[in-house]
N, C-alpha and C. Protein backbone atom coordinates (compact mmCIF):
# COMPACT_ATOMS: atom_id res chain seq x y z
N MET A 1 52.75 20.51 -43.90
CA MET A 1 53.19 21.74 -44.44
C MET A 1 52.31 22.18 -45.59
N SER A 2 51.74 21.25 -46.32
CA SER A 2 50.89 21.61 -47.43
C SER A 2 49.61 22.28 -46.95
N LYS A 3 49.15 21.91 -45.74
CA LYS A 3 48.00 22.58 -45.16
C LYS A 3 48.31 24.03 -44.88
N VAL A 4 49.50 24.27 -44.35
CA VAL A 4 49.91 25.62 -44.02
C VAL A 4 50.12 26.42 -45.30
N ALA A 5 50.73 25.79 -46.30
CA ALA A 5 50.97 26.48 -47.56
C ALA A 5 49.65 26.79 -48.24
N GLY A 6 48.68 25.91 -48.21
CA GLY A 6 47.38 26.15 -48.83
C GLY A 6 46.62 27.25 -48.11
N ARG A 7 46.77 27.24 -46.80
CA ARG A 7 46.11 28.25 -46.00
C ARG A 7 46.73 29.62 -46.29
N LYS A 8 48.05 29.69 -46.41
CA LYS A 8 48.73 30.94 -46.71
C LYS A 8 48.31 31.45 -48.08
N LYS A 9 48.17 30.53 -49.03
CA LYS A 9 47.76 30.93 -50.38
C LYS A 9 46.35 31.53 -50.36
N ARG A 10 45.46 30.94 -49.55
CA ARG A 10 44.09 31.47 -49.46
C ARG A 10 44.08 32.84 -48.80
N ILE A 11 44.87 33.02 -47.77
CA ILE A 11 44.95 34.32 -47.08
C ILE A 11 45.51 35.37 -48.03
N ILE A 12 46.56 35.00 -48.73
CA ILE A 12 47.17 35.95 -49.68
C ILE A 12 46.19 36.25 -50.80
N GLY A 13 45.50 35.27 -51.32
CA GLY A 13 44.52 35.47 -52.40
C GLY A 13 43.36 36.34 -51.95
N THR A 14 42.84 36.06 -50.75
CA THR A 14 41.73 36.84 -50.21
C THR A 14 42.15 38.28 -49.97
N THR A 15 43.32 38.47 -49.39
CA THR A 15 43.84 39.83 -49.14
C THR A 15 44.01 40.59 -50.45
N ALA A 16 44.58 39.90 -51.45
CA ALA A 16 44.77 40.55 -52.76
C ALA A 16 43.43 40.95 -53.37
N ALA A 17 42.44 40.06 -53.23
CA ALA A 17 41.12 40.35 -53.79
C ALA A 17 40.48 41.54 -53.07
N LEU A 18 40.58 41.56 -51.74
CA LEU A 18 40.02 42.67 -50.97
C LEU A 18 40.72 44.00 -51.30
N VAL A 19 42.04 43.96 -51.45
CA VAL A 19 42.79 45.18 -51.79
C VAL A 19 42.36 45.66 -53.17
N ALA A 20 42.21 44.71 -54.12
CA ALA A 20 41.81 45.09 -55.47
C ALA A 20 40.42 45.71 -55.47
N ILE A 21 39.49 45.12 -54.71
CA ILE A 21 38.11 45.63 -54.67
C ILE A 21 38.07 46.98 -53.97
N SER A 22 38.67 47.08 -52.79
CA SER A 22 38.62 48.34 -52.05
C SER A 22 39.46 49.41 -52.73
N GLY A 23 40.55 49.01 -53.31
CA GLY A 23 41.38 49.98 -54.03
C GLY A 23 40.65 50.55 -55.22
N GLY A 24 39.90 49.74 -55.93
CA GLY A 24 39.12 50.21 -57.08
C GLY A 24 38.02 51.15 -56.64
N ALA A 25 37.40 50.87 -55.52
CA ALA A 25 36.33 51.73 -55.02
C ALA A 25 36.88 53.07 -54.54
N ALA A 26 38.07 53.07 -54.04
CA ALA A 26 38.65 54.31 -53.53
C ALA A 26 38.97 55.27 -54.67
N PHE A 27 39.14 54.75 -55.87
CA PHE A 27 39.51 55.61 -56.98
C PHE A 27 38.37 55.87 -57.94
N ALA A 28 37.19 55.38 -57.62
CA ALA A 28 36.05 55.63 -58.48
C ALA A 28 35.46 57.00 -58.15
N TYR A 29 35.10 57.79 -59.19
CA TYR A 29 34.51 59.12 -58.96
C TYR A 29 33.79 59.56 -60.21
N TRP A 30 32.97 60.57 -60.03
CA TRP A 30 32.30 61.20 -61.16
C TRP A 30 33.06 62.46 -61.51
N THR A 31 33.09 62.81 -62.75
CA THR A 31 33.64 64.12 -63.13
C THR A 31 32.46 65.03 -63.43
N ALA A 32 32.63 66.31 -63.15
CA ALA A 32 31.54 67.25 -63.38
C ALA A 32 32.09 68.64 -63.60
N THR A 33 31.33 69.42 -64.29
CA THR A 33 31.63 70.84 -64.44
C THR A 33 30.33 71.59 -64.24
N GLY A 34 30.41 72.89 -64.05
CA GLY A 34 29.20 73.67 -63.89
C GLY A 34 29.47 75.15 -64.02
N THR A 35 28.45 75.89 -64.33
CA THR A 35 28.52 77.34 -64.37
C THR A 35 27.25 77.89 -63.77
N GLY A 36 27.25 79.18 -63.45
CA GLY A 36 26.06 79.81 -62.90
C GLY A 36 26.21 81.31 -62.96
N SER A 37 25.13 82.02 -62.75
CA SER A 37 25.19 83.47 -62.72
C SER A 37 24.00 84.00 -61.92
N ALA A 38 24.12 85.27 -61.55
CA ALA A 38 23.04 85.95 -60.85
C ALA A 38 23.13 87.42 -61.20
N THR A 39 22.03 88.11 -61.16
CA THR A 39 22.05 89.55 -61.40
C THR A 39 21.25 90.24 -60.32
N THR A 40 21.58 91.50 -60.12
CA THR A 40 20.85 92.34 -59.19
C THR A 40 20.92 93.75 -59.74
N LYS A 41 20.21 94.65 -59.18
CA LYS A 41 20.22 96.02 -59.69
C LYS A 41 20.64 96.97 -58.57
N ALA A 42 21.62 97.79 -58.88
CA ALA A 42 22.07 98.81 -57.93
C ALA A 42 21.19 100.05 -58.09
N GLY A 43 21.15 100.85 -57.06
CA GLY A 43 20.40 102.10 -57.11
C GLY A 43 20.97 103.05 -58.16
N THR A 44 20.17 103.99 -58.57
CA THR A 44 20.62 104.93 -59.61
C THR A 44 20.92 106.32 -59.06
N THR A 45 20.60 106.59 -57.81
CA THR A 45 20.86 107.90 -57.24
C THR A 45 22.32 107.98 -56.82
N THR A 46 23.11 108.72 -57.56
CA THR A 46 24.52 108.84 -57.23
C THR A 46 24.94 110.30 -57.08
N GLY A 47 24.02 111.22 -57.27
CA GLY A 47 24.35 112.63 -57.18
C GLY A 47 24.13 113.18 -55.78
N PHE A 48 24.61 114.38 -55.59
CA PHE A 48 24.41 115.09 -54.34
C PHE A 48 23.47 116.25 -54.59
N GLU A 49 22.77 116.68 -53.56
CA GLU A 49 21.98 117.91 -53.62
C GLU A 49 22.78 118.97 -52.88
N ILE A 50 22.96 120.13 -53.52
CA ILE A 50 23.77 121.19 -52.91
C ILE A 50 22.96 122.48 -52.90
N THR A 51 22.93 123.11 -51.74
CA THR A 51 22.28 124.42 -51.60
C THR A 51 23.26 125.37 -50.93
N GLY A 52 23.07 126.66 -51.17
CA GLY A 52 23.96 127.65 -50.58
C GLY A 52 23.23 128.92 -50.19
N THR A 53 23.80 129.63 -49.22
CA THR A 53 23.25 130.89 -48.74
C THR A 53 24.38 131.88 -48.53
N ALA A 54 24.22 133.08 -49.05
CA ALA A 54 25.23 134.12 -48.88
C ALA A 54 24.80 135.11 -47.80
N THR A 55 25.76 135.52 -46.98
CA THR A 55 25.51 136.53 -45.95
C THR A 55 26.62 137.57 -46.00
N GLY A 56 26.30 138.77 -45.65
CA GLY A 56 27.29 139.84 -45.64
C GLY A 56 26.77 141.06 -46.38
N GLY A 57 27.62 142.06 -46.49
CA GLY A 57 27.23 143.31 -47.13
C GLY A 57 27.11 143.19 -48.63
N GLU A 58 26.57 144.27 -49.24
CA GLU A 58 26.46 144.29 -50.70
C GLU A 58 27.83 144.33 -51.33
N LEU A 59 27.98 143.59 -52.42
CA LEU A 59 29.26 143.54 -53.11
C LEU A 59 29.46 144.81 -53.94
N SER A 60 30.68 145.30 -53.91
CA SER A 60 31.08 146.46 -54.72
C SER A 60 32.56 146.30 -55.04
N PRO A 61 33.07 146.97 -56.07
CA PRO A 61 34.47 146.80 -56.46
C PRO A 61 35.44 147.01 -55.29
N GLY A 62 36.17 145.95 -54.93
CA GLY A 62 37.13 146.03 -53.83
C GLY A 62 36.49 146.19 -52.47
N GLY A 63 35.16 146.09 -52.38
CA GLY A 63 34.43 146.32 -51.14
C GLY A 63 34.29 145.08 -50.27
N PRO A 64 33.21 145.06 -49.49
CA PRO A 64 33.02 143.98 -48.53
C PRO A 64 32.86 142.61 -49.21
N THR A 65 33.06 141.59 -48.43
CA THR A 65 32.91 140.22 -48.92
C THR A 65 31.59 139.64 -48.44
N GLN A 66 31.21 138.54 -49.04
CA GLN A 66 30.07 137.78 -48.57
C GLN A 66 30.55 136.37 -48.26
N LYS A 67 30.08 135.86 -47.15
CA LYS A 67 30.38 134.48 -46.78
C LYS A 67 29.26 133.61 -47.35
N VAL A 68 29.64 132.59 -48.11
CA VAL A 68 28.66 131.68 -48.70
C VAL A 68 28.79 130.33 -47.98
N THR A 69 27.72 129.93 -47.32
CA THR A 69 27.68 128.63 -46.65
C THR A 69 26.90 127.69 -47.56
N PHE A 70 27.50 126.52 -47.85
CA PHE A 70 26.81 125.55 -48.70
C PHE A 70 26.67 124.22 -47.97
N THR A 71 25.61 123.51 -48.30
CA THR A 71 25.32 122.22 -47.70
C THR A 71 25.21 121.17 -48.79
N VAL A 72 25.90 120.07 -48.59
CA VAL A 72 25.85 118.93 -49.51
C VAL A 72 25.04 117.84 -48.83
N LYS A 73 24.03 117.33 -49.54
CA LYS A 73 23.16 116.28 -48.97
C LYS A 73 23.23 115.03 -49.85
N ASN A 74 23.26 113.87 -49.20
CA ASN A 74 23.20 112.59 -49.90
C ASN A 74 21.74 112.14 -49.97
N PRO A 75 21.10 112.26 -51.14
CA PRO A 75 19.71 111.83 -51.24
C PRO A 75 19.55 110.34 -51.52
N GLY A 76 20.66 109.64 -51.67
CA GLY A 76 20.63 108.22 -52.04
C GLY A 76 20.29 107.30 -50.89
N THR A 77 20.33 106.00 -51.21
CA THR A 77 19.99 104.97 -50.22
C THR A 77 21.23 104.31 -49.63
N GLY A 78 22.41 104.68 -50.11
CA GLY A 78 23.65 104.11 -49.60
C GLY A 78 24.63 105.20 -49.24
N VAL A 79 25.72 104.81 -48.62
CA VAL A 79 26.76 105.76 -48.22
C VAL A 79 27.47 106.28 -49.46
N GLN A 80 27.69 107.59 -49.52
CA GLN A 80 28.44 108.21 -50.60
C GLN A 80 29.49 109.13 -49.99
N LYS A 81 30.68 109.13 -50.58
CA LYS A 81 31.74 110.00 -50.08
C LYS A 81 31.80 111.26 -50.95
N VAL A 82 31.82 112.38 -50.28
CA VAL A 82 32.04 113.65 -50.97
C VAL A 82 33.46 114.10 -50.61
N SER A 83 34.31 114.19 -51.62
CA SER A 83 35.71 114.53 -51.40
C SER A 83 35.97 116.02 -51.46
N LYS A 84 35.29 116.68 -52.40
CA LYS A 84 35.48 118.12 -52.53
C LYS A 84 34.27 118.73 -53.21
N VAL A 85 34.14 120.04 -53.07
CA VAL A 85 33.09 120.79 -53.73
C VAL A 85 33.76 121.98 -54.41
N ASP A 86 33.66 122.03 -55.73
CA ASP A 86 34.19 123.17 -56.46
C ASP A 86 33.11 124.24 -56.52
N VAL A 87 33.50 125.48 -56.27
CA VAL A 87 32.57 126.60 -56.29
C VAL A 87 33.13 127.64 -57.24
N LYS A 88 32.27 128.13 -58.15
CA LYS A 88 32.70 129.19 -59.06
C LYS A 88 31.51 130.05 -59.45
N VAL A 89 31.79 131.26 -59.88
CA VAL A 89 30.76 132.12 -60.42
C VAL A 89 30.50 131.61 -61.83
N ALA A 90 29.30 131.07 -62.06
CA ALA A 90 28.96 130.46 -63.34
C ALA A 90 27.46 130.23 -63.40
N ASN A 91 26.98 129.92 -64.61
CA ASN A 91 25.58 129.57 -64.79
C ASN A 91 25.29 128.25 -64.07
N THR A 92 24.01 127.92 -63.91
CA THR A 92 23.63 126.71 -63.19
C THR A 92 24.17 125.44 -63.83
N ASP A 93 24.47 125.46 -65.13
CA ASP A 93 25.04 124.28 -65.79
C ASP A 93 26.57 124.31 -65.79
N GLY A 94 27.16 125.32 -65.14
CA GLY A 94 28.62 125.41 -65.04
C GLY A 94 29.29 126.20 -66.14
N THR A 95 28.51 126.65 -67.12
CA THR A 95 29.10 127.43 -68.21
C THR A 95 29.38 128.86 -67.75
N THR A 96 30.23 129.54 -68.49
CA THR A 96 30.63 130.91 -68.17
C THR A 96 29.42 131.84 -68.11
N TRP A 97 29.39 132.65 -67.07
CA TRP A 97 28.27 133.57 -66.86
C TRP A 97 28.64 134.99 -67.27
N THR A 98 27.71 135.62 -67.95
CA THR A 98 27.78 137.06 -68.21
C THR A 98 26.34 137.57 -68.11
N SER A 99 26.13 138.60 -67.31
CA SER A 99 24.77 139.12 -67.17
C SER A 99 24.41 139.94 -68.40
N SER A 100 23.13 140.21 -68.54
CA SER A 100 22.67 141.00 -69.68
C SER A 100 23.18 142.44 -69.61
N THR A 101 23.62 142.87 -68.42
CA THR A 101 24.13 144.24 -68.27
C THR A 101 25.64 144.31 -68.40
N GLY A 102 26.29 143.18 -68.67
CA GLY A 102 27.74 143.18 -68.88
C GLY A 102 28.57 142.75 -67.69
N CYS A 103 27.96 142.47 -66.57
CA CYS A 103 28.71 141.95 -65.42
C CYS A 103 29.14 140.52 -65.77
N LYS A 104 30.34 140.11 -65.35
CA LYS A 104 30.84 138.80 -65.76
C LYS A 104 31.59 138.10 -64.64
N THR A 105 31.90 136.85 -64.88
CA THR A 105 32.60 136.00 -63.91
C THR A 105 33.89 136.65 -63.43
N ALA A 106 34.63 137.25 -64.33
CA ALA A 106 35.93 137.84 -63.99
C ALA A 106 35.82 139.01 -63.01
N ASP A 107 34.61 139.52 -62.78
CA ASP A 107 34.42 140.62 -61.84
C ASP A 107 34.38 140.13 -60.38
N PHE A 108 34.49 138.83 -60.16
CA PHE A 108 34.36 138.27 -58.82
C PHE A 108 35.48 137.27 -58.53
N ALA A 109 35.79 137.15 -57.26
CA ALA A 109 36.81 136.19 -56.82
C ALA A 109 36.25 135.39 -55.66
N ILE A 110 36.59 134.10 -55.65
CA ILE A 110 36.19 133.21 -54.56
C ILE A 110 37.45 132.83 -53.80
N ALA A 111 37.37 132.95 -52.47
CA ALA A 111 38.54 132.66 -51.62
C ALA A 111 38.08 131.96 -50.35
N ASP A 112 39.06 131.66 -49.49
CA ASP A 112 38.82 131.09 -48.17
C ASP A 112 37.92 129.85 -48.21
N TYR A 113 38.23 128.92 -49.09
CA TYR A 113 37.48 127.68 -49.22
C TYR A 113 37.68 126.84 -47.96
N ASP A 114 36.57 126.37 -47.39
CA ASP A 114 36.64 125.53 -46.20
C ASP A 114 35.63 124.40 -46.33
N PHE A 115 36.14 123.19 -46.57
CA PHE A 115 35.29 122.01 -46.66
C PHE A 115 36.14 120.79 -46.35
N THR A 116 35.59 119.86 -45.58
CA THR A 116 36.30 118.64 -45.22
C THR A 116 35.59 117.45 -45.85
N ALA A 117 36.36 116.60 -46.53
CA ALA A 117 35.81 115.38 -47.15
C ALA A 117 35.12 114.54 -46.09
N LYS A 118 34.06 113.86 -46.51
CA LYS A 118 33.26 113.12 -45.54
C LYS A 118 32.43 112.05 -46.24
N GLU A 119 32.23 110.92 -45.56
CA GLU A 119 31.29 109.92 -46.04
C GLU A 119 29.92 110.30 -45.49
N LEU A 120 28.95 110.33 -46.39
CA LEU A 120 27.60 110.73 -46.00
C LEU A 120 26.66 109.53 -46.00
N GLU A 121 26.05 109.27 -44.88
CA GLU A 121 25.02 108.25 -44.77
C GLU A 121 23.81 108.70 -45.60
N PRO A 122 22.88 107.83 -45.93
CA PRO A 122 21.67 108.26 -46.63
C PRO A 122 20.99 109.40 -45.87
N GLY A 123 20.72 110.49 -46.56
CA GLY A 123 20.11 111.66 -45.93
C GLY A 123 21.09 112.54 -45.18
N GLY A 124 22.35 112.13 -45.09
CA GLY A 124 23.36 112.88 -44.34
C GLY A 124 23.81 114.13 -45.08
N THR A 125 24.35 115.07 -44.33
CA THR A 125 24.80 116.34 -44.92
C THR A 125 26.20 116.70 -44.43
N ALA A 126 26.83 117.57 -45.21
CA ALA A 126 28.12 118.16 -44.84
C ALA A 126 28.07 119.62 -45.28
N THR A 127 28.69 120.50 -44.51
CA THR A 127 28.67 121.92 -44.86
C THR A 127 30.08 122.44 -45.09
N GLY A 128 30.13 123.51 -45.85
CA GLY A 128 31.38 124.18 -46.12
C GLY A 128 31.11 125.66 -46.36
N THR A 129 32.18 126.42 -46.50
CA THR A 129 32.04 127.86 -46.75
C THR A 129 33.10 128.34 -47.75
N VAL A 130 32.77 129.42 -48.42
CA VAL A 130 33.71 130.17 -49.26
C VAL A 130 33.41 131.65 -49.06
N THR A 131 34.34 132.47 -49.47
CA THR A 131 34.14 133.91 -49.42
C THR A 131 34.08 134.44 -50.85
N LEU A 132 33.10 135.28 -51.13
CA LEU A 132 32.93 135.88 -52.45
C LEU A 132 33.20 137.38 -52.35
N GLN A 133 33.97 137.90 -53.28
CA GLN A 133 34.26 139.33 -53.30
C GLN A 133 34.25 139.83 -54.73
N MET A 134 33.80 141.06 -54.90
CA MET A 134 33.87 141.70 -56.20
C MET A 134 35.24 142.34 -56.31
N VAL A 135 35.96 142.01 -57.39
CA VAL A 135 37.32 142.55 -57.55
C VAL A 135 37.25 143.98 -58.06
N ASN A 136 38.29 144.74 -57.78
CA ASN A 136 38.39 146.11 -58.27
C ASN A 136 39.13 146.07 -59.59
N SER A 137 38.39 146.17 -60.67
CA SER A 137 38.95 146.06 -62.02
C SER A 137 39.29 147.43 -62.58
N ALA A 138 40.17 147.49 -63.54
CA ALA A 138 40.51 148.75 -64.22
C ALA A 138 39.40 149.15 -65.19
N GLU A 139 38.48 148.23 -65.45
CA GLU A 139 37.36 148.50 -66.37
C GLU A 139 36.16 149.04 -65.59
N ASN A 140 35.25 149.68 -66.30
CA ASN A 140 34.01 150.14 -65.71
C ASN A 140 33.17 148.92 -65.33
N GLN A 141 32.73 148.86 -64.09
CA GLN A 141 31.94 147.73 -63.60
C GLN A 141 30.50 148.12 -63.28
N ASP A 142 30.01 149.18 -63.89
CA ASP A 142 28.64 149.62 -63.64
C ASP A 142 27.62 148.53 -63.99
N GLY A 143 27.95 147.64 -64.90
CA GLY A 143 27.04 146.57 -65.29
C GLY A 143 26.74 145.61 -64.14
N CYS A 144 27.54 145.64 -63.09
CA CYS A 144 27.33 144.75 -61.95
C CYS A 144 26.40 145.35 -60.90
N LYS A 145 26.04 146.63 -61.05
CA LYS A 145 25.14 147.24 -60.06
C LYS A 145 23.81 146.50 -60.05
N GLY A 146 23.46 145.95 -58.89
CA GLY A 146 22.19 145.24 -58.72
C GLY A 146 22.13 143.86 -59.38
N ALA A 147 23.24 143.38 -59.92
CA ALA A 147 23.24 142.07 -60.59
C ALA A 147 23.08 140.94 -59.57
N THR A 148 22.40 139.91 -59.99
CA THR A 148 22.30 138.68 -59.20
C THR A 148 23.43 137.78 -59.69
N VAL A 149 24.34 137.47 -58.79
CA VAL A 149 25.53 136.70 -59.15
C VAL A 149 25.28 135.23 -58.87
N PRO A 150 25.32 134.38 -59.92
CA PRO A 150 25.07 132.95 -59.70
C PRO A 150 26.34 132.20 -59.30
N LEU A 151 26.20 131.26 -58.37
CA LEU A 151 27.31 130.40 -57.99
C LEU A 151 26.99 128.98 -58.44
N HIS A 152 27.99 128.30 -58.96
CA HIS A 152 27.82 126.92 -59.39
C HIS A 152 28.65 126.03 -58.46
N PHE A 153 28.01 124.98 -57.94
CA PHE A 153 28.66 124.02 -57.04
C PHE A 153 28.77 122.69 -57.75
N ALA A 154 29.91 122.05 -57.66
CA ALA A 154 30.11 120.72 -58.24
C ALA A 154 30.81 119.85 -57.21
N ALA A 155 30.10 118.85 -56.72
CA ALA A 155 30.66 117.95 -55.70
C ALA A 155 31.19 116.68 -56.36
N SER A 156 32.28 116.18 -55.82
CA SER A 156 32.82 114.91 -56.31
C SER A 156 33.40 114.13 -55.14
């Protein structure tokens, strides 16, 4: 029986040693931390190019209208969405217009706006239209005879 007991002790001792060694290896690890960064540059072209053309008869107080067709172009290198285009009688920088002869923004009305929002691929275009009319005012509008009426477009 002492042979069996000695043998059991060796098996138990060997097993315990193996468990201790393998158990210690299973829980060994390195700790680490790290950080990193990267930069890139996005394009700078984010504006639209807008052009317009008016067709129709000469404007006069309460007279005929002109249809203005405008085109919005994406000159950038990525897709840009144009949601709307505001059109008004104004200087090229959007400030209130008054001609040197006394014709002014209030002498005109813009109506019948037609434009659909659209995503524009690089170089892509979208078109829209508005109607321009000279209003019939209670004031003398002689200052508008032969005036060049500026339209300002603002896309967003």
